[in-house]
Protein backbone atom coordinates (compact mmCIF):
# COMPACT_ATOMS: atom_id res chain seq x y z
CA UNK A 1 0.82 32.90 -7.03
CA UNK A 2 2.18 30.67 -10.04
CA UNK A 3 0.58 27.40 -10.80
CA UNK A 4 3.96 25.84 -11.63
CA UNK A 5 5.91 24.27 -8.73
CA UNK A 6 9.27 25.86 -7.96
CA UNK A 7 12.42 23.95 -8.16
CA UNK A 8 12.58 23.79 -4.37
CA UNK A 9 8.95 22.50 -4.01
CA UNK A 10 9.63 19.87 -6.78
CA UNK A 11 12.79 18.63 -4.98
CA UNK A 12 11.06 18.39 -1.58
CA UNK A 13 8.20 16.47 -3.05
CA UNK A 14 10.31 14.08 -5.09
CA UNK A 15 12.62 13.54 -2.15
CA UNK A 16 9.80 12.85 0.43
CA UNK A 17 8.14 10.44 -2.03
CA UNK A 18 11.43 8.65 -2.81
CA UNK A 19 12.15 8.12 0.93
CA UNK A 20 8.55 6.88 1.55
CA UNK A 21 8.85 4.47 -1.42
CA UNK A 22 12.17 3.20 -0.32
CA UNK A 23 10.98 2.57 3.24
CA UNK A 24 7.73 0.92 1.85
CA UNK A 25 9.54 -1.51 -0.57
CA UNK A 26 12.19 -2.28 2.21
CA UNK A 27 9.53 -3.14 4.67
CA UNK A 28 7.63 -5.35 2.22
CA UNK A 29 10.79 -7.30 1.55
CA UNK A 30 11.91 -7.54 5.11
CA UNK A 31 8.76 -8.30 7.13
CA UNK A 32 6.35 -11.21 7.07
CA UNK A 33 4.40 -9.62 9.95
CA UNK A 34 4.47 -6.77 12.36
CA UNK A 35 2.69 -6.38 15.59
CA UNK A 36 -0.70 -4.35 15.63
CA UNK A 37 0.05 -1.57 18.00
CA UNK A 38 -1.85 1.63 18.78
CA UNK A 39 0.53 4.58 18.97
CA UNK A 40 -1.82 7.52 19.55
CA UNK A 41 1.02 9.52 21.17
CA UNK A 42 3.16 9.22 18.00
CA UNK A 43 0.34 10.31 15.72
CA UNK A 44 -0.05 13.59 17.87
CA UNK A 45 3.60 14.42 17.48
CA UNK A 46 3.74 13.49 13.81
CA UNK A 47 0.71 15.72 13.14
CA UNK A 48 2.29 18.71 15.00
CA UNK A 49 5.52 18.11 13.06
CA UNK A 50 3.95 18.05 9.64
CA UNK A 51 1.56 21.00 10.38
CA UNK A 52 3.84 23.78 8.88
CA UNK A 53 4.09 21.80 5.56
CA UNK A 54 0.32 21.10 5.49
CA UNK A 55 -0.39 24.87 6.14
CA UNK A 56 1.93 26.01 3.50
CA UNK A 57 0.51 23.36 0.93
CA UNK A 58 -3.08 24.43 1.78
CA UNK A 59 -2.47 28.16 1.41
CA UNK A 60 -0.62 27.62 -1.77
CA UNK A 61 -3.26 25.37 -3.23
CA UNK A 62 -6.17 27.64 -2.01
CA UNK A 63 -4.53 30.90 -3.55
CA UNK A 64 -3.86 29.15 -6.85
CA UNK A 65 -7.29 27.69 -7.07
CA UNK A 66 -8.86 30.93 -5.72
CA UNK A 67 -10.74 28.93 -3.12
CA UNK A 68 -13.14 30.39 -0.57
CA UNK A 69 -12.29 30.10 3.15
CA UNK A 70 -13.91 26.56 3.58
CA UNK A 71 -11.88 25.54 0.45
CA UNK A 72 -8.73 26.40 2.54
CA UNK A 73 -9.94 24.43 5.39
CA UNK A 74 -10.71 21.42 3.14
CA UNK A 75 -7.18 21.58 1.72
CA UNK A 76 -5.67 21.88 5.15
CA UNK A 77 -7.58 18.87 6.37
CA UNK A 78 -6.72 16.75 3.32
CA UNK A 79 -2.95 17.69 3.30
CA UNK A 80 -2.78 17.35 7.09
CA UNK A 81 -4.29 13.89 7.21
CA UNK A 82 -2.31 12.64 4.14
CA UNK A 83 1.14 13.87 5.66
CA UNK A 84 0.39 12.69 9.07
CA UNK A 85 -0.39 9.08 8.20
CA UNK A 86 2.24 8.84 5.43
CA UNK A 87 4.97 10.22 7.85
CA UNK A 88 3.65 8.04 10.74
CA UNK A 89 4.12 5.04 8.48
CA UNK A 90 7.71 6.15 7.68
CA UNK A 91 8.62 6.65 11.30
CA UNK A 92 7.26 3.19 12.41
CA UNK A 93 8.67 1.23 9.50
CA UNK A 94 12.12 2.96 9.51
CA UNK A 95 12.36 2.17 13.35
CA UNK A 96 11.29 -1.50 12.64
CA UNK A 97 13.80 -1.77 9.83
CA UNK A 98 16.63 -0.34 12.04
CA UNK A 99 15.90 -2.92 14.76
CA UNK A 100 15.76 -5.68 12.33
CA UNK A 101 19.24 -4.58 11.09
CA UNK A 102 21.05 -4.04 14.40
CA UNK A 103 19.23 -6.31 16.87
CA UNK A 104 19.31 -10.11 17.17
CA UNK A 105 16.35 -12.10 16.31
CA UNK A 106 15.12 -15.40 17.83
CA UNK A 107 13.78 -18.47 16.18
CA UNK A 108 10.75 -19.67 18.04
CA UNK A 109 7.70 -21.84 17.82
CA UNK A 110 4.38 -20.10 18.65
CA UNK A 111 0.82 -21.30 18.73
CA UNK A 112 -1.61 -19.81 16.19
CA UNK A 113 -4.87 -18.75 17.85
CA UNK A 114 -6.56 -17.09 14.93
CA UNK A 115 -5.98 -16.10 11.44
CA UNK A 116 -8.63 -13.82 9.79
CA UNK A 117 -9.12 -11.40 6.91
CA UNK A 118 -9.43 -7.68 7.73
CA UNK A 119 -11.54 -5.52 5.54
CA UNK A 120 -11.51 -1.78 5.38
CA UNK A 121 -14.19 0.32 3.93
CA UNK A 122 -13.55 1.14 0.31
CA UNK A 123 -10.31 -0.53 0.35
CA UNK A 124 -11.51 -4.25 0.62
CA UNK A 125 -9.22 -6.98 1.85
CA UNK A 126 -6.62 -4.88 3.54
CA UNK A 127 -4.41 -7.27 5.49
CA UNK A 128 -4.35 -10.49 7.40
CA UNK A 129 -4.57 -10.54 11.13
CA UNK A 130 -2.66 -13.22 12.89
CA UNK A 131 -3.21 -13.84 16.64
CA UNK A 132 -0.36 -15.84 18.16
CA UNK A 133 0.57 -17.04 21.74
CA UNK A 134 4.24 -16.36 22.66
CA UNK A 135 5.66 -16.75 26.16
CA UNK A 136 2.14 -16.74 27.54
CA UNK A 137 1.33 -13.48 25.82
CA UNK A 138 -1.39 -12.92 23.19
CA UNK A 139 0.07 -10.96 20.25
CA UNK A 140 -1.84 -9.65 17.24
CA UNK A 141 0.30 -9.38 14.20
CA UNK A 142 -0.41 -7.77 10.68
CA UNK A 143 0.49 -9.77 7.64
CA UNK A 144 0.00 -9.11 3.98
CA UNK A 145 -3.36 -10.27 2.51
CA UNK A 146 -2.13 -13.25 0.72
CA UNK A 147 -0.61 -14.65 3.97
CA UNK A 148 -4.23 -15.69 4.92
CA UNK A 149 -4.22 -18.49 2.38
CA UNK A 150 -1.09 -20.27 3.58
CA UNK A 151 -1.63 -19.41 7.33
CA UNK A 152 -5.39 -20.16 7.82
CA UNK A 153 -4.97 -23.89 8.54
CA UNK A 154 -1.85 -23.53 10.67
CA UNK A 155 -1.87 -24.48 14.45
CA UNK A 156 1.82 -23.74 15.16
CA UNK A 157 4.34 -21.69 13.39
CA UNK A 158 8.18 -21.60 13.39
CA UNK A 159 9.17 -17.95 12.85
CA UNK A 160 12.19 -15.63 13.19
CA UNK A 161 10.94 -12.84 15.54
CA UNK A 162 12.46 -9.62 16.95
CA UNK A 163 11.45 -6.74 19.10
CA UNK A 164 11.36 -2.96 18.67
CA UNK A 165 9.96 -0.07 20.62
CA UNK A 166 7.44 0.01 17.69
CA UNK A 167 6.38 -3.57 18.52
CA UNK A 168 7.55 -7.14 17.61
CA UNK A 169 8.17 -8.05 14.08
CA UNK A 170 8.70 -11.27 12.05
CA UNK A 171 11.23 -11.53 9.33
CA UNK A 172 10.85 -15.23 8.43
CA UNK A 173 8.18 -17.92 8.63
CA UNK A 174 8.69 -21.64 8.17
CA UNK A 175 7.01 -22.32 4.82
CA UNK A 176 7.91 -23.03 1.27
CA UNK A 177 8.08 -20.98 -1.81
CA UNK A 178 5.44 -23.05 -3.32
CA UNK A 179 3.03 -22.36 -0.44
CA UNK A 180 3.49 -18.69 -0.84
CA UNK A 181 3.14 -18.81 -4.56
CA UNK A 182 -0.08 -20.80 -4.31
CA UNK A 183 -1.29 -18.31 -1.68
CA UNK A 184 -0.63 -15.33 -3.95
CA UNK A 185 -2.65 -17.04 -6.84
CA UNK A 186 -5.54 -17.77 -4.38
CA UNK A 187 -5.46 -14.12 -3.15
CA UNK A 188 -5.43 -12.87 -6.78
CA UNK A 189 -8.46 -14.93 -7.67
CA UNK A 190 -10.22 -13.80 -4.46
CA UNK A 191 -9.41 -10.21 -5.27
CA UNK A 192 -10.68 -10.51 -8.91
CA UNK A 193 -13.93 -11.86 -7.71
CA UNK A 194 -14.28 -8.94 -5.31
CA UNK A 195 -13.50 -6.18 -7.81
CA UNK A 196 -14.95 -7.79 -10.98
CA UNK A 197 -17.27 -4.90 -11.62
CA UNK A 198 -14.40 -2.35 -11.27
CA UNK A 199 -12.56 -4.47 -13.98
CA UNK A 200 -15.55 -4.53 -16.23
CA UNK A 201 -15.93 -0.66 -16.02
CA UNK A 202 -12.13 -0.16 -16.75
CA UNK A 203 -12.29 -2.57 -19.76
CA UNK A 204 -15.43 -0.83 -21.20
CA UNK A 205 -13.85 2.63 -20.72
CA UNK A 206 -10.58 1.48 -22.41
CA UNK A 207 -12.58 -0.18 -25.32
CA UNK A 208 -14.66 2.99 -25.71
CA UNK A 209 -11.54 5.14 -25.89
CA UNK A 210 -10.00 2.80 -28.56
CA UNK A 211 -13.24 2.72 -30.55
CA UNK A 212 -13.44 6.50 -30.51
CA UNK A 213 -9.94 6.98 -31.53
CA UNK A 214 -10.20 4.50 -34.48
CA UNK A 215 -13.71 5.35 -35.82
CA UNK A 216 -14.27 8.92 -34.53
CA UNK A 217 -11.07 10.85 -34.77
CA UNK A 218 -10.73 14.51 -33.76
CA UNK A 219 -11.49 16.95 -36.44
CA UNK A 220 -8.59 18.00 -38.60
CA UNK A 221 -7.01 21.21 -37.60
CA UNK A 222 -8.47 21.33 -34.22
CA UNK A 223 -5.95 21.34 -31.45
CA UNK A 224 -6.15 18.48 -29.15
CA UNK A 225 -6.85 19.28 -25.47
CA UNK A 226 -4.38 18.58 -22.96
CA UNK A 227 -4.96 15.40 -20.92
CA UNK A 228 -6.36 16.27 -17.42
CA UNK A 229 -4.43 15.27 -14.32
CA UNK A 230 -7.17 12.70 -13.43
CA UNK A 231 -7.05 11.13 -16.88
CA UNK A 232 -3.31 10.86 -16.58
CA UNK A 233 -3.73 9.25 -13.19
CA UNK A 234 -6.28 6.91 -14.62
CA UNK A 235 -3.88 5.99 -17.53
CA UNK A 236 -1.09 5.24 -15.06
CA UNK A 237 -3.43 3.03 -12.89
CA UNK A 238 -4.54 1.10 -16.01
CA UNK A 239 -0.91 0.46 -16.86
CA UNK A 240 -0.06 -0.71 -13.42
CA UNK A 241 -3.14 -2.88 -13.32
CA UNK A 242 -2.01 -4.47 -16.70
CA UNK A 243 1.40 -5.13 -15.23
CA UNK A 244 -0.19 -6.84 -12.23
CA UNK A 245 -2.31 -8.99 -14.47
CA UNK A 246 0.85 -10.02 -16.36
CA UNK A 247 2.56 -10.96 -13.02
CA UNK A 248 -0.30 -13.10 -11.85
CA UNK A 249 -0.59 -14.65 -15.34
CA UNK A 250 3.06 -15.72 -14.82
CA UNK A 251 2.05 -17.27 -11.38
CA UNK A 252 -0.84 -19.18 -12.92
CA UNK A 253 1.60 -20.56 -15.57
CA UNK A 254 3.98 -21.51 -12.72
CA UNK A 255 1.42 -23.15 -10.65
CA UNK A 256 -0.27 -25.02 -13.44
CA UNK A 257 2.74 -26.31 -15.27
CA UNK A 258 5.81 -26.28 -12.88
CA UNK A 259 4.92 -26.27 -9.23
CA UNK A 260 3.40 -29.84 -9.13
CA UNK A 261 6.32 -31.40 -11.15
């Protein structure tokens, strides 16, 4: 079996990733919060639905890599888990987006019971959990991490809220752009403090690569080795991290020199 992906395989992968990315970005732009709801039945049906693709991907990768039987099982598990959770996310968010588009939403005032940070192993500060009281019902909502810093002292919230078979969702919260901007900056400082050693390792690695390229060049006439997949991924992550730093540098300039004027 060939290592190179066929035209059909490439098209399917790009299409799937493009749809997932579109839904992800649309959700981030549309929702302030979504209800935390356990949908075990949905996970089961999604897992069944993606299983043919996961089996094909596992067999293809296993034969290309000449894996042993447990290698095939490992690939199957990895592809199965990845596709199940990625597709489940697409299903939930697309239904929420559809409801937000076609259904009416109400502007209500709710009581805030609790606002807390939620951490996940190896991922750090994953999201903000906001527990609200609406019409006598206690509802747990999931908001983005930076929301903790502008919601933590709130006792009541005016919000635009809607309902879907995937749970309730909030498309707007009564707060100012300045509050959100400051919250983003506080979240950034909090994140930097938590991952400071990762940043140090990245900086040392980049500095070592620059020094090697400048003072210890490759021998003349020796063909350079092609950059491995993981090195390429590392380079991409470093570039994205640099872009994020520039974004938050802009936030710092705005907060320091403009937001208080």
